[in-house]
Each structure stands twice: as C-alpha cells, then as structure tokens.
Amino acid sequence: MSVVTAVTAVTAVAAAGSAAALAHFTASLAFETDCADVHAAYAQGPDAIDFVLLDVRSPAMFAEGHVPGAINLPHGKIVASKLADYPPDTLFVTYCAGPHCNGATRGAIRLAQLGRPVKVMIGGVTGWVDEGFPLATSESV
C-alpha cells in the first residue's frame, strides 16, 4: 500500500469528525428539501400537500416555466400582508432558478424574519428539470 503525501484543496482542511458530520447533515434536513421529495409529495395528491411551494423568481421567469403547484411570490415581495391567509404554522418551501441563484435563500430569510417555518428546495428549477420532472407554464403574468 502506498502512502499518499500530496495535499490537495480537498484535503487541505481536515474533514469534520463523524459526530460533527452527523449533527451537521442531520440538521441540514431541517433547512432543506429536494426536488424528488417535493415531487413525491405532489404525486400523493392535493390532500397530501402540507406545505406551500413558493417560486421566488420574477413573474416573467415563473411564466416561462415553474414547478406545477407552485405559487409565484418574488423574494423581494415577501411581506406579512401577502401571507395573511396562511396559518402561522404553515411550512413554506422556497425555490429559485437553481444552485447558481440565491433567491431561494433570500426568500427563506424573509420568511424566517416574519416568524414563518421555511425550507429551501435545493436545486430549484434546474434540479427539477435534471430529475426529469415537467415544468408548468403560464400564458399570462
């Protein structure tokens, strides 16, 4: 067996111990969900949906293609009055264009500042399409 002596950008910072890694990755699920889990929830039918999916992109981008069942509420427009019809314990799931976009995080911050439960759907529209799931389109914005 050969001994590796090279240090790469991957190994320059040591990995966390197993206990810390377990705590970190377990906690991440309290903040994130993924496209497959959202799709599976919607596949169970409307009575199974226990969250509100928010597309936080612009109305024009929403019209071009969005996750079926999502509501368009751009992250800059997330204010208490727009959420008044939802009970305080409603879980909101935000998404944007994809991993190259921080709109879902910005929306999640606004929701958290308003005291609302929130998760981010990692991958966004890019992840949804990568999973092979169809997008819905809107004729009008």
Protein backbone atom coordinates (compact mmCIF):
# COMPACT_ATOMS: atom_id res chain seq x y z
CA MET A 1 0.00 0.00 0.00
CA SER A 2 1.42 3.37 -0.95
CA VAL A 3 1.38 6.35 1.37
CA VAL A 4 -0.20 9.48 -0.09
CA THR A 5 1.77 12.58 0.81
CA ALA A 6 0.20 15.13 -1.51
CA VAL A 7 -2.19 17.72 -0.12
CA THR A 8 -4.99 18.86 -2.39
CA ALA A 9 -7.60 21.55 -1.96
CA VAL A 10 -9.93 18.73 -0.87
CA THR A 11 -7.69 17.55 1.97
CA ALA A 12 -6.01 20.83 2.97
CA VAL A 13 -8.74 21.31 5.57
CA ALA A 14 -9.41 18.12 7.50
CA ALA A 15 -12.88 16.63 7.39
CA ALA A 16 -15.02 17.03 10.49
CA GLY A 17 -15.24 14.13 12.88
CA SER A 18 -18.08 11.67 12.43
CA ALA A 19 -20.14 13.08 15.31
CA ALA A 20 -19.89 16.63 13.98
CA ALA A 21 -20.67 15.45 10.44
CA LEU A 22 -23.72 13.56 11.68
CA ALA A 23 -25.01 16.61 13.54
CA HIS A 24 -24.40 18.90 10.55
CA PHE A 25 -26.00 16.71 7.90
CA THR A 26 -28.94 15.79 10.13
CA ALA A 27 -29.55 19.47 10.86
CA SER A 28 -29.39 20.36 7.16
CA LEU A 29 -32.62 18.44 6.58
CA ALA A 30 -34.41 20.90 8.87
CA PHE A 31 -33.47 23.65 6.41
CA GLU A 32 -33.64 21.89 3.04
CA THR A 33 -35.72 19.53 1.00
CA ASP A 34 -35.10 18.37 -2.54
CA CYS A 35 -36.92 18.18 -5.85
CA ALA A 36 -37.62 14.46 -5.56
CA ASP A 37 -39.28 14.87 -2.15
CA VAL A 38 -41.43 17.78 -3.38
CA HIS A 39 -42.40 15.81 -6.49
CA ALA A 40 -43.29 12.75 -4.38
CA ALA A 41 -45.47 14.89 -2.11
CA TYR A 42 -47.38 16.33 -5.06
CA ALA A 43 -47.76 12.85 -6.57
CA GLN A 44 -49.73 11.83 -3.46
CA GLY A 45 -52.47 14.28 -4.42
CA PRO A 46 -53.66 17.67 -3.22
CA ASP A 47 -54.85 16.39 0.17
CA ALA A 48 -51.32 15.23 1.00
CA ILE A 49 -49.69 18.63 0.47
CA ASP A 50 -48.70 20.00 3.86
CA PHE A 51 -46.59 22.94 2.67
CA VAL A 52 -46.78 25.92 0.33
CA LEU A 53 -44.27 25.89 -2.52
CA LEU A 54 -43.08 29.40 -3.40
CA ASP A 55 -41.32 30.21 -6.64
CA VAL A 56 -39.48 33.35 -5.61
CA ARG A 57 -38.33 34.34 -9.12
CA SER A 58 -39.81 37.12 -11.25
CA PRO A 59 -43.29 36.73 -12.72
CA ALA A 60 -41.76 36.55 -16.22
CA MET A 61 -39.47 33.66 -15.25
CA PHE A 62 -42.35 31.94 -13.47
CA ALA A 63 -44.46 32.21 -16.63
CA GLU A 64 -41.68 30.63 -18.72
CA GLY A 65 -41.63 27.52 -16.54
CA HIS A 66 -42.26 26.65 -12.91
CA VAL A 67 -42.87 23.67 -10.69
CA PRO A 68 -46.52 22.64 -11.04
CA GLY A 69 -48.43 23.70 -7.94
CA ALA A 70 -46.03 26.49 -7.03
CA ILE A 71 -47.18 29.99 -6.19
CA ASN A 72 -45.18 32.91 -7.55
CA LEU A 73 -44.09 35.35 -4.86
CA PRO A 74 -40.78 37.06 -5.68
CA HIS A 75 -38.48 37.14 -2.67
CA GLY A 76 -38.48 40.94 -2.58
CA LYS A 77 -42.27 40.94 -2.22
CA ILE A 78 -42.49 38.53 0.72
CA VAL A 79 -44.20 40.63 3.40
CA ALA A 80 -46.61 39.80 6.21
CA SER A 81 -49.68 41.03 4.31
CA LYS A 82 -49.02 38.55 1.47
CA LEU A 83 -49.01 35.68 3.98
CA ALA A 84 -52.05 36.75 6.00
CA ASP A 85 -54.28 33.99 4.58
CA TYR A 86 -51.92 31.23 5.77
CA PRO A 87 -51.97 29.91 9.34
CA PRO A 88 -48.82 30.84 11.30
CA ASP A 89 -47.54 27.24 11.33
CA THR A 90 -47.72 26.85 7.52
CA LEU A 91 -44.45 25.47 6.16
CA PHE A 92 -43.19 27.40 3.16
CA VAL A 93 -40.71 25.86 0.72
CA THR A 94 -38.85 28.32 -1.48
CA TYR A 95 -37.05 27.74 -4.74
CA CYS A 96 -35.46 29.81 -7.48
CA ALA A 97 -33.60 29.12 -10.72
CA GLY A 98 -31.08 26.68 -9.31
CA PRO A 99 -27.87 26.24 -7.38
CA HIS A 100 -26.38 29.30 -9.08
CA CYS A 101 -29.13 31.51 -7.64
CA ASN A 102 -29.56 32.72 -4.07
CA GLY A 103 -33.17 33.84 -4.44
CA ALA A 104 -34.50 30.83 -2.53
CA THR A 105 -32.20 31.69 0.37
CA ARG A 106 -33.26 35.33 0.25
CA GLY A 107 -36.91 34.26 0.32
CA ALA A 108 -36.25 31.88 3.20
CA ILE A 109 -34.59 34.69 5.16
CA ARG A 110 -37.61 36.94 4.66
CA LEU A 111 -39.99 34.19 5.75
CA ALA A 112 -37.88 33.41 8.82
CA GLN A 113 -37.78 37.12 9.70
CA LEU A 114 -41.58 37.03 9.63
CA GLY A 115 -41.57 34.08 12.04
CA ARG A 116 -42.68 31.56 9.40
CA PRO A 117 -41.43 27.96 9.14
CA VAL A 118 -39.39 27.59 5.96
CA LYS A 119 -37.22 25.21 3.97
CA VAL A 120 -35.39 25.67 0.67
CA MET A 121 -35.89 23.23 -2.21
CA ILE A 122 -32.29 22.64 -3.23
CA GLY A 123 -31.66 22.52 -6.95
CA GLY A 124 -34.50 24.86 -7.87
CA VAL A 125 -35.84 24.74 -11.42
CA THR A 126 -32.52 23.36 -12.68
CA GLY A 127 -32.71 20.46 -10.25
CA TRP A 128 -36.37 19.86 -11.08
CA VAL A 129 -35.57 19.58 -14.79
CA ASP A 130 -32.45 17.48 -14.09
CA GLU A 131 -34.69 15.00 -12.25
CA GLY A 132 -36.82 14.71 -15.40
CA PHE A 133 -39.88 16.39 -13.90
CA PRO A 134 -42.03 18.60 -16.15
CA LEU A 135 -42.48 22.32 -15.74
CA ALA A 136 -45.77 24.17 -16.00
CA THR A 137 -46.03 27.40 -17.97
CA SER A 138 -48.32 30.41 -17.72
CA GLU A 139 -49.68 32.30 -20.70
CA SER A 140 -50.16 35.45 -18.68
CA VAL A 141 -48.09 37.00 -15.94
